[in-house]
Amino acid sequence: EMGQLRALYEPTLGPLVDVFERLGLFRIFTAPWFTALLVLLSVSITVCTLDRLPKIRAVT
């Protein structure tokens, strides 16, 4: 499948296809940087929720 994507985008993007492949832009959901962003987002939401939980319980 990657060969098909390369053949599709190479006429338009030229040498940038190699850069995009290395960055994982053709397989975003399996790229390590995407997983790292998901982990960072999850940790951030968890920390913010735990930080605000005592204030929310005090009001209710």
C-alpha atoms as a PDB file:
ATOM      1  CA  GLU A   1       0.000   0.000   0.000  1.00  0.00           C
ATOM      2  CA  MET A   2       2.862   2.399   0.723  1.00  0.00           C
ATOM      3  CA  GLY A   3       4.091   1.881  -2.820  1.00  0.00           C
ATOM      4  CA  GLN A   4       0.714   2.978  -4.108  1.00  0.00           C
ATOM      5  CA  LEU A   5       0.750   6.092  -1.932  1.00  0.00           C
ATOM      6  CA  ARG A   6       4.286   6.899  -3.038  1.00  0.00           C
ATOM      7  CA  ALA A   7       3.306   6.539  -6.705  1.00  0.00           C
ATOM      8  CA  LEU A   8       0.265   8.730  -6.116  1.00  0.00           C
ATOM      9  CA  TYR A   9       2.030  11.579  -4.321  1.00  0.00           C
ATOM     10  CA  GLU A  10       5.493  11.526  -5.891  1.00  0.00           C
ATOM     11  CA  PRO A  11       4.519  13.442  -9.055  1.00  0.00           C
ATOM     12  CA  THR A  12       3.069  16.234  -6.923  1.00  0.00           C
ATOM     13  CA  LEU A  13       5.425  16.301  -3.938  1.00  0.00           C
ATOM     14  CA  GLY A  14       8.650  15.101  -5.533  1.00  0.00           C
ATOM     15  CA  PRO A  15      11.478  14.690  -3.008  1.00  0.00           C
ATOM     16  CA  LEU A  16       9.206  15.674  -0.115  1.00  0.00           C
ATOM     17  CA  VAL A  17       7.673  12.196  -0.273  1.00  0.00           C
ATOM     18  CA  ASP A  18      10.771  10.812   1.481  1.00  0.00           C
ATOM     19  CA  VAL A  19      10.488  13.415   4.239  1.00  0.00           C
ATOM     20  CA  PHE A  20       6.782  12.738   4.701  1.00  0.00           C
ATOM     21  CA  GLU A  21       7.435   8.990   4.913  1.00  0.00           C
ATOM     22  CA  ARG A  22      10.130   9.481   7.568  1.00  0.00           C
ATOM     23  CA  LEU A  23       7.812  11.687   9.611  1.00  0.00           C
ATOM     24  CA  GLY A  24       5.046   9.108   9.343  1.00  0.00           C
ATOM     25  CA  LEU A  25       2.627  11.465   7.645  1.00  0.00           C
ATOM     26  CA  PHE A  26       1.287   8.688   5.420  1.00  0.00           C
ATOM     27  CA  ARG A  27       0.495   6.526   8.463  1.00  0.00           C
ATOM     28  CA  ILE A  28      -0.404   9.068  11.101  1.00  0.00           C
ATOM     29  CA  PHE A  29      -2.352   6.831  13.490  1.00  0.00           C
ATOM     30  CA  THR A  30       0.532   4.350  13.814  1.00  0.00           C
ATOM     31  CA  ALA A  31       3.331   6.922  13.991  1.00  0.00           C
ATOM     32  CA  PRO A  32       5.233   7.088  17.302  1.00  0.00           C
ATOM     33  CA  TRP A  33       4.834  10.864  17.553  1.00  0.00           C
ATOM     34  CA  PHE A  34       1.044  10.531  17.307  1.00  0.00           C
ATOM     35  CA  THR A  35       1.018   7.962  20.112  1.00  0.00           C
ATOM     36  CA  ALA A  36       3.191  10.282  22.210  1.00  0.00           C
ATOM     37  CA  LEU A  37       0.738  13.139  21.643  1.00  0.00           C
ATOM     38  CA  LEU A  38      -2.172  10.922  22.699  1.00  0.00           C
ATOM     39  CA  VAL A  39      -0.335   9.935  25.881  1.00  0.00           C
ATOM     40  CA  LEU A  40       0.495  13.580  26.606  1.00  0.00           C
ATOM     41  CA  LEU A  41      -3.129  14.608  26.081  1.00  0.00           C
ATOM     42  CA  SER A  42      -4.387  11.791  28.318  1.00  0.00           C
ATOM     43  CA  VAL A  43      -1.955  12.683  31.102  1.00  0.00           C
ATOM     44  CA  SER A  44      -2.865  16.358  30.833  1.00  0.00           C
ATOM     45  CA  ILE A  45      -6.608  15.669  31.061  1.00  0.00           C
ATOM     46  CA  THR A  46      -6.097  13.307  34.006  1.00  0.00           C
ATOM     47  CA  VAL A  47      -3.925  15.789  35.928  1.00  0.00           C
ATOM     48  CA  CYS A  48      -6.336  18.662  35.309  1.00  0.00           C
ATOM     49  CA  THR A  49      -9.303  16.545  36.387  1.00  0.00           C
ATOM     50  CA  LEU A  50      -7.585  15.415  39.580  1.00  0.00           C
ATOM     51  CA  ASP A  51      -6.527  18.992  40.308  1.00  0.00           C
ATOM     52  CA  ARG A  52     -10.078  20.331  40.028  1.00  0.00           C
ATOM     53  CA  LEU A  53     -11.864  17.419  41.685  1.00  0.00           C
ATOM     54  CA  PRO A  54     -11.586  18.729  45.280  1.00  0.00           C
ATOM     55  CA  LYS A  55     -12.952  22.133  44.229  1.00  0.00           C
ATOM     56  CA  ILE A  56     -15.864  20.534  42.414  1.00  0.00           C
ATOM     57  CA  ARG A  57     -16.704  18.309  45.397  1.00  0.00           C
ATOM     58  CA  ALA A  58     -16.569  21.290  47.763  1.00  0.00           C
ATOM     59  CA  VAL A  59     -19.191  23.137  45.718  1.00  0.00           C
ATOM     60  CA  THR A  60     -21.615  20.217  45.434  1.00  0.00           C
END
